[in-house]
Amino acid sequence: MPVSRNRDIATILGRSEAANASNAALGTGGGAGSDGLQVTRLDSSEINALTLDSADGGKLIYDTTNEELKGWVADAYRRIVKRVNITGSGGTETTSGNYTIHTFESSGNFTVTGAGTLEIEYLVIAGGGGGGNVATVPGGGGGAGGYRSSVQGENSGGGSSAESTLSLTAGTYTVTVGAGGAGHTASDDGTGSQGGNSTFHTITSIGGGGGGGNNTNPTTGGSGGGGKESNGTGAAGTSGQGYAGGNGSETGNYGGGGGGAGEAGNTDGNGHGGDGVASSITGTSVTRAGGGSSSGTAGNGGGGTGGGTATEGTANTGGGGGGGYASGNNGQSGGSGVVIIRYIAS
């Protein structure tokens, strides 16, 4: 489990000693506890006022002013270990249990301050792809934005396990939140646009693929766009981020459902969007990165519904846009992505 380097080392664990004469001479507060040795705690002025000699070698004191464990060396108390504080800032900050959480719904910076290393769990979702468009029947649904997670015990997209956590030192780290791809809105046959990538440090999630039209193919992405209506094949997703779009059908008069982070398009029915993946990184389980549909049900996780009343993917979920047609609603835009970061609070 990731940890934050904020440790009060006044209590030395793993030892059991009786209070000795030196503790009595220096003041109260030293002695053995049920979980280890508690050394004497004094502020800097009290330490400086002590009258000591070489016979005091080996004694320990915790300096409460400077938050340092000190030991008597030769002629003075010198620092052995110092309390280390490190934390982050940026985005919208919340807490859940022991975790501090930073949610970025738009691009910005995550800044780490302090000494040591901050162990980060992340969820990085790209923008969903736009829905395709056909003249009189719905085009393919947009694929969900790529889904990458390092939350232990959860999954990344495409059926992959959680990735490794990130170890960050002091500095400023750019966060980019991908926009949803535009649906094809012209009153003709066309493919939706791919969603924008989302990035954090070394992590890049790929934008969802655009849904196909009648004679225009879908595009690949984090999850692939649904196939064109004229028996088109769904586009591929990106390994470790999402699934492929479903196939379209000329006889069925539907395009393929957009791929989701949790399953391929058409898994739950012809033209249905693929479902997304649930995460509790914020302390509450939320499903994101569902594929847009061509006909039928949108993917659970913010996917847009296709058909004559096509809808956009939900903002900040990376959901794909619904496939549309010119005599109803045209192809719709995918939902924007999101970047969420968490670590153990100090």
Protein backbone atom coordinates (compact mmCIF):
# COMPACT_ATOMS: atom_id res chain seq x y z
CA MET A 1 0.00 0.00 0.00
CA PRO A 2 1.40 3.43 -0.82
CA VAL A 3 2.60 5.59 2.07
CA SER A 4 3.28 9.27 2.71
CA ARG A 5 6.63 10.11 4.31
CA ASN A 6 5.38 11.90 7.42
CA ARG A 7 6.72 10.05 10.42
CA ASP A 8 7.09 11.06 14.02
CA ILE A 9 10.04 9.01 15.17
CA ALA A 10 9.99 10.11 18.78
CA THR A 11 8.75 6.63 19.62
CA ILE A 12 11.42 4.04 18.87
CA LEU A 13 9.70 0.71 18.27
CA GLY A 14 11.06 -2.76 18.83
CA ARG A 15 12.96 -2.18 22.10
CA SER A 16 12.04 -2.70 25.74
CA GLU A 17 14.16 -0.94 28.33
CA ALA A 18 13.53 0.22 31.86
CA ALA A 19 13.68 3.93 32.54
CA ASN A 20 17.25 4.73 33.52
CA ALA A 21 19.01 7.31 35.59
CA SER A 22 19.81 9.54 32.65
CA ASN A 23 16.11 9.93 31.82
CA ALA A 24 15.46 10.93 35.38
CA ALA A 25 18.27 13.47 35.24
CA LEU A 26 17.06 14.99 31.99
CA GLY A 27 13.38 15.19 32.89
CA THR A 28 10.19 13.23 32.51
CA GLY A 29 8.91 11.61 29.36
CA GLY A 30 11.49 8.84 28.82
CA GLY A 31 10.99 5.19 29.48
CA ALA A 32 9.63 1.95 28.09
CA GLY A 33 6.15 1.63 26.68
CA SER A 34 4.09 -1.34 25.60
CA ASP A 35 5.13 -0.71 21.97
CA GLY A 36 8.74 0.36 22.49
CA LEU A 37 10.99 2.98 24.05
CA GLN A 38 9.69 6.54 24.40
CA VAL A 39 12.65 8.93 24.54
CA THR A 40 12.65 12.22 26.38
CA ARG A 41 10.96 15.09 24.49
CA LEU A 42 12.37 18.60 24.94
CA ASP A 43 12.29 21.77 22.90
CA SER A 44 15.47 23.34 21.51
CA SER A 45 15.91 25.83 24.34
CA GLU A 46 15.60 23.10 26.95
CA ILE A 47 18.17 20.95 25.13
CA ASN A 48 20.61 23.87 24.87
CA ALA A 49 20.25 24.54 28.60
CA LEU A 50 21.28 21.01 29.59
CA THR A 51 24.57 20.58 31.46
CA LEU A 52 26.20 17.49 30.01
CA ASP A 53 29.61 15.93 29.69
CA SER A 54 31.28 13.07 27.85
CA ALA A 55 29.68 10.58 30.22
CA ASP A 56 26.36 11.33 28.56
CA GLY A 57 27.41 9.62 25.29
CA GLY A 58 24.72 7.39 23.78
CA LYS A 59 21.71 9.25 25.15
CA LEU A 60 18.77 10.12 22.86
CA ILE A 61 16.42 13.11 22.94
CA TYR A 62 13.57 14.14 20.64
CA ASP A 63 13.79 17.84 19.69
CA THR A 64 10.14 18.96 19.48
CA THR A 65 11.05 22.34 17.96
CA ASN A 66 12.85 20.95 14.91
CA GLU A 67 11.14 17.53 14.91
CA GLU A 68 14.46 15.69 15.06
CA LEU A 69 15.75 12.68 16.96
CA LYS A 70 19.13 13.66 18.43
CA GLY A 71 21.92 11.70 20.05
CA TRP A 72 24.80 12.86 22.27
CA VAL A 73 27.97 12.79 20.17
CA ALA A 74 31.26 13.98 21.69
CA ASP A 75 30.14 17.37 23.00
CA ALA A 76 26.58 18.07 21.85
CA TYR A 77 23.25 16.59 20.86
CA ARG A 78 23.32 16.15 17.08
CA ARG A 79 20.59 15.17 14.65
CA ILE A 80 20.23 11.46 13.91
CA VAL A 81 16.92 11.43 12.06
CA LYS A 82 14.60 14.27 11.07
CA ARG A 83 10.86 14.11 10.61
CA VAL A 84 10.08 14.25 6.87
CA ASN A 85 6.98 15.91 5.40
CA ILE A 86 5.88 15.60 1.79
CA THR A 87 2.54 16.40 0.21
CA GLY A 88 0.83 17.41 -3.04
CA SER A 89 -1.41 20.18 -4.33
CA GLY A 90 -3.51 20.85 -7.42
CA GLY A 91 -6.93 20.08 -8.83
CA THR A 92 -9.88 19.67 -6.46
CA GLU A 93 -8.66 18.27 -3.15
CA THR A 94 -10.80 15.94 -1.02
CA THR A 95 -10.17 13.27 1.59
CA SER A 96 -11.47 9.76 2.19
CA GLY A 97 -10.25 7.82 5.19
CA ASN A 98 -6.45 8.06 5.24
CA TYR A 99 -6.27 9.25 1.62
CA THR A 100 -5.83 12.72 0.19
CA ILE A 101 -7.35 12.85 -3.31
CA HIS A 102 -6.74 15.36 -6.13
CA THR A 103 -9.26 15.34 -8.99
CA PHE A 104 -8.48 17.11 -12.26
CA GLU A 105 -11.50 17.68 -14.50
CA SER A 106 -9.44 20.04 -16.65
CA SER A 107 -5.74 20.37 -17.34
CA GLY A 108 -3.42 21.78 -14.67
CA ASN A 109 -0.40 20.99 -12.52
CA PHE A 110 0.17 18.60 -9.62
CA THR A 111 2.87 20.00 -7.34
CA VAL A 112 4.79 17.92 -4.81
CA THR A 113 6.52 19.78 -1.96
CA GLY A 114 8.73 18.55 0.84
CA ALA A 115 11.48 15.99 1.26
CA GLY A 116 11.30 12.29 0.50
CA THR A 117 9.02 10.39 -1.88
CA LEU A 118 5.26 10.52 -2.34
CA GLU A 119 3.73 7.19 -3.39
CA ILE A 120 0.87 7.87 -5.80
CA GLU A 121 -2.10 5.83 -6.98
CA TYR A 122 -3.73 7.24 -10.11
CA LEU A 123 -6.66 6.92 -12.48
CA VAL A 124 -6.05 8.47 -15.90
CA ILE A 125 -8.93 8.42 -18.42
CA ALA A 126 -8.77 9.98 -21.88
CA GLY A 127 -11.58 11.72 -23.77
CA GLY A 128 -14.19 9.50 -25.43
CA GLY A 129 -14.52 9.25 -29.21
CA GLY A 130 -17.31 10.94 -31.18
CA GLY A 131 -20.20 9.02 -32.73
CA GLY A 132 -20.41 8.38 -36.45
CA ASN A 133 -23.19 9.53 -38.74
CA VAL A 134 -25.30 7.97 -41.53
CA ALA A 135 -28.09 9.57 -43.56
CA THR A 136 -31.05 7.51 -42.35
CA VAL A 137 -29.77 4.92 -39.85
CA PRO A 138 -27.41 5.38 -36.88
CA GLY A 139 -23.66 5.32 -37.30
CA GLY A 140 -21.21 3.57 -35.00
CA GLY A 141 -20.87 4.59 -31.38
CA GLY A 142 -17.71 6.31 -30.17
CA GLY A 143 -15.18 4.29 -28.20
CA ALA A 144 -14.43 5.14 -24.57
CA GLY A 145 -11.25 6.95 -23.64
CA GLY A 146 -8.28 4.83 -22.58
CA TYR A 147 -8.44 3.79 -18.92
CA ARG A 148 -5.27 3.32 -16.84
CA SER A 149 -5.31 2.73 -13.09
CA SER A 150 -2.77 1.90 -10.40
CA VAL A 151 -5.34 1.55 -7.60
CA GLN A 152 -4.38 -1.72 -5.97
CA GLY A 153 -7.08 -4.38 -6.13
CA GLU A 154 -8.80 -2.70 -9.10
CA ASN A 155 -8.33 -3.02 -12.86
CA SER A 156 -7.09 -1.00 -15.79
CA GLY A 157 -9.03 -1.12 -19.05
CA GLY A 158 -9.05 -4.04 -21.45
CA GLY A 159 -9.10 -6.58 -18.62
CA SER A 160 -5.64 -5.65 -17.33
CA SER A 161 -4.63 -5.60 -13.68
CA ALA A 162 -3.73 -2.43 -11.84
CA GLU A 163 -0.43 -0.86 -12.85
CA SER A 164 2.45 0.01 -10.52
CA THR A 165 2.20 3.10 -8.34
CA LEU A 166 4.31 6.18 -9.05
CA SER A 167 7.05 7.46 -6.73
CA LEU A 168 7.27 11.25 -7.00
CA THR A 169 9.77 13.65 -5.47
CA ALA A 170 9.40 17.41 -5.09
CA GLY A 171 8.52 19.15 -8.34
CA THR A 172 5.69 20.19 -10.67
CA TYR A 173 4.00 17.57 -12.84
CA THR A 174 1.79 18.48 -15.79
CA VAL A 175 -1.72 17.02 -15.91
CA THR A 176 -3.55 17.01 -19.26
CA VAL A 177 -7.23 16.08 -19.42
CA GLY A 178 -8.30 14.99 -22.90
CA ALA A 179 -11.36 16.53 -24.55
CA GLY A 180 -14.11 14.38 -26.01
CA GLY A 181 -13.91 13.81 -29.76
CA ALA A 182 -16.52 15.60 -31.91
CA GLY A 183 -19.34 13.59 -33.40
CA HIS A 184 -19.80 13.73 -37.16
CA THR A 185 -22.45 16.42 -37.47
CA ALA A 186 -22.58 17.06 -41.21
CA SER A 187 -25.74 15.80 -42.90
CA ASP A 188 -23.90 13.01 -44.65
CA ASP A 189 -21.94 9.84 -44.06
CA GLY A 190 -18.94 10.29 -41.77
CA THR A 191 -16.76 9.05 -38.91
CA GLY A 192 -16.61 10.68 -35.49
CA SER A 193 -13.37 12.22 -34.26
CA GLN A 194 -10.99 10.55 -31.86
CA GLY A 195 -10.94 11.83 -28.27
CA GLY A 196 -7.95 13.63 -26.79
CA ASN A 197 -5.25 11.90 -24.77
CA SER A 198 -4.97 12.39 -21.01
CA THR A 199 -1.54 12.42 -19.41
CA PHE A 200 0.05 12.53 -15.97
CA HIS A 201 3.83 12.28 -15.53
CA THR A 202 4.82 9.11 -17.46
CA ILE A 203 1.24 7.88 -17.91
CA THR A 204 -0.67 8.46 -21.17
CA SER A 205 -4.18 7.23 -21.84
CA ILE A 206 -5.23 7.23 -25.50
CA GLY A 207 -8.38 9.01 -26.69
CA GLY A 208 -11.36 6.84 -27.65
CA GLY A 209 -11.85 5.96 -31.32
CA GLY A 210 -14.49 7.63 -33.48
CA GLY A 211 -17.53 5.61 -34.57
CA GLY A 212 -17.89 4.68 -38.26
CA GLY A 213 -20.44 6.01 -40.74
CA ASN A 214 -22.01 4.10 -43.61
CA ASN A 215 -19.00 3.80 -45.88
CA THR A 216 -16.39 5.36 -43.59
CA ASN A 217 -14.49 3.22 -41.12
CA PRO A 218 -14.18 3.80 -37.38
CA THR A 219 -10.87 4.73 -35.79
CA THR A 220 -8.79 2.96 -33.20
CA GLY A 221 -8.27 4.45 -29.75
CA GLY A 222 -8.13 3.68 -26.05
CA SER A 223 -11.31 1.76 -26.82
CA GLY A 224 -12.20 1.36 -30.48
CA GLY A 225 -15.04 3.04 -32.35
CA GLY A 226 -18.06 1.01 -33.47
CA GLY A 227 -17.98 -0.38 -37.02
CA LYS A 228 -19.65 1.33 -39.98
CA GLU A 229 -23.25 0.40 -40.71
CA SER A 230 -22.43 -1.40 -43.99
CA ASN A 231 -21.15 -4.55 -42.26
CA GLY A 232 -18.08 -2.77 -40.93
CA THR A 233 -15.68 -4.20 -38.37
CA GLY A 234 -15.23 -2.41 -35.07
CA ALA A 235 -11.89 -0.69 -34.54
CA ALA A 236 -9.34 -2.05 -32.10
CA GLY A 237 -8.75 -0.73 -28.60
CA THR A 238 -5.34 -0.19 -26.97
CA SER A 239 -3.88 -3.02 -24.91
CA GLY A 240 -4.21 -2.33 -21.20
CA GLN A 241 -6.66 0.53 -21.78
CA GLY A 242 -9.85 -0.67 -23.47
CA TYR A 243 -11.71 -2.98 -25.83
CA ALA A 244 -12.62 -2.98 -29.52
CA GLY A 245 -15.80 -1.57 -30.98
CA GLY A 246 -18.55 -3.91 -32.20
CA ASN A 247 -19.38 -4.68 -35.82
CA GLY A 248 -22.06 -2.89 -37.83
CA SER A 249 -24.83 -4.61 -39.81
CA GLU A 250 -26.32 -3.57 -43.15
CA THR A 251 -29.33 -5.82 -42.75
CA GLY A 252 -29.87 -4.81 -39.13
CA ASN A 253 -29.55 -1.10 -39.95
CA TYR A 254 -27.16 -0.31 -37.13
CA GLY A 255 -23.52 0.59 -36.66
CA GLY A 256 -21.37 -1.14 -34.08
CA GLY A 257 -21.41 -0.15 -30.44
CA GLY A 258 -18.32 1.69 -29.23
CA GLY A 259 -15.85 -0.29 -27.14
CA GLY A 260 -15.73 0.32 -23.40
CA ALA A 261 -12.92 0.01 -20.88
CA GLY A 262 -14.62 -3.08 -19.41
CA GLU A 263 -15.97 -4.90 -22.49
CA ALA A 264 -16.20 -4.75 -26.27
CA GLY A 265 -19.00 -3.02 -28.15
CA ASN A 266 -22.04 -5.21 -28.96
CA THR A 267 -21.34 -7.45 -25.93
CA ASP A 268 -24.77 -6.76 -24.42
CA GLY A 269 -26.66 -6.62 -27.74
CA ASN A 270 -26.38 -5.45 -31.34
CA GLY A 271 -25.21 -1.84 -31.47
CA HIS A 272 -24.87 -1.57 -27.68
CA GLY A 273 -21.91 0.27 -26.17
CA GLY A 274 -19.39 -1.64 -24.10
CA ASP A 275 -19.46 -1.11 -20.34
CA GLY A 276 -16.77 0.76 -18.44
CA VAL A 277 -14.80 -0.06 -15.29
CA ALA A 278 -15.66 0.84 -11.68
CA SER A 279 -13.16 2.52 -9.35
CA SER A 280 -13.32 3.61 -5.72
CA ILE A 281 -10.27 5.88 -5.91
CA THR A 282 -12.36 8.77 -4.52
CA GLY A 283 -13.87 6.66 -1.74
CA THR A 284 -17.07 5.99 -3.71
CA SER A 285 -17.44 3.42 -6.47
CA VAL A 286 -17.98 5.12 -9.85
CA THR A 287 -18.07 3.45 -13.27
CA ARG A 288 -16.41 5.39 -16.09
CA ALA A 289 -15.30 4.93 -19.72
CA GLY A 290 -18.38 3.30 -21.24
CA GLY A 291 -18.75 3.08 -25.02
CA GLY A 292 -21.36 5.00 -27.02
CA SER A 293 -24.14 2.99 -28.65
CA SER A 294 -25.45 2.97 -32.20
CA SER A 295 -28.79 1.46 -31.25
CA GLY A 296 -29.85 0.06 -27.92
CA THR A 297 -28.17 0.72 -24.60
CA ALA A 298 -25.15 2.92 -24.07
CA GLY A 299 -22.22 1.49 -22.17
CA ASN A 300 -22.45 1.82 -18.39
CA GLY A 301 -19.93 4.48 -17.43
CA GLY A 302 -20.95 7.62 -19.30
CA GLY A 303 -21.46 6.32 -22.83
CA GLY A 304 -23.88 8.28 -25.06
CA THR A 305 -27.03 6.76 -26.52
CA GLY A 306 -27.25 6.36 -30.30
CA GLY A 307 -30.10 6.66 -32.78
CA GLY A 308 -32.55 9.43 -33.61
CA THR A 309 -32.10 11.02 -30.19
CA ALA A 310 -28.37 10.45 -29.93
CA THR A 311 -26.65 11.91 -26.85
CA GLU A 312 -23.13 12.94 -25.91
CA GLY A 313 -20.84 10.97 -23.64
CA THR A 314 -20.89 12.21 -20.04
CA ALA A 315 -18.28 14.81 -19.17
CA ASN A 316 -15.26 13.66 -17.14
CA THR A 317 -16.02 9.97 -17.62
CA GLY A 318 -14.35 9.41 -21.00
CA GLY A 319 -17.63 7.95 -22.30
CA GLY A 320 -18.02 7.56 -26.09
CA GLY A 321 -20.57 9.63 -28.01
CA GLY A 322 -23.71 8.08 -29.46
CA GLY A 323 -23.90 7.28 -33.17
CA GLY A 324 -26.51 9.34 -35.02
CA TYR A 325 -28.10 9.98 -38.40
CA ALA A 326 -28.89 13.05 -40.41
CA SER A 327 -32.68 12.78 -40.25
CA GLY A 328 -32.51 12.70 -36.43
CA ASN A 329 -29.66 13.78 -34.19
CA ASN A 330 -26.26 13.63 -35.85
CA GLY A 331 -23.32 11.80 -34.28
CA GLN A 332 -22.56 13.12 -30.81
CA SER A 333 -19.37 14.11 -29.02
CA GLY A 334 -17.57 11.93 -26.52
CA GLY A 335 -17.21 12.90 -22.89
CA SER A 336 -14.05 14.57 -21.61
CA GLY A 337 -11.58 12.58 -19.56
CA VAL A 338 -10.40 12.90 -15.97
CA VAL A 339 -7.22 12.44 -13.92
CA ILE A 340 -7.48 11.43 -10.25
CA ILE A 341 -4.50 11.10 -7.90
CA ARG A 342 -4.42 9.86 -4.32
CA TYR A 343 -1.91 9.11 -1.55
CA ILE A 344 -1.94 8.37 2.15
CA ALA A 345 -2.62 11.59 4.02
CA SER A 346 -0.08 12.84 6.58
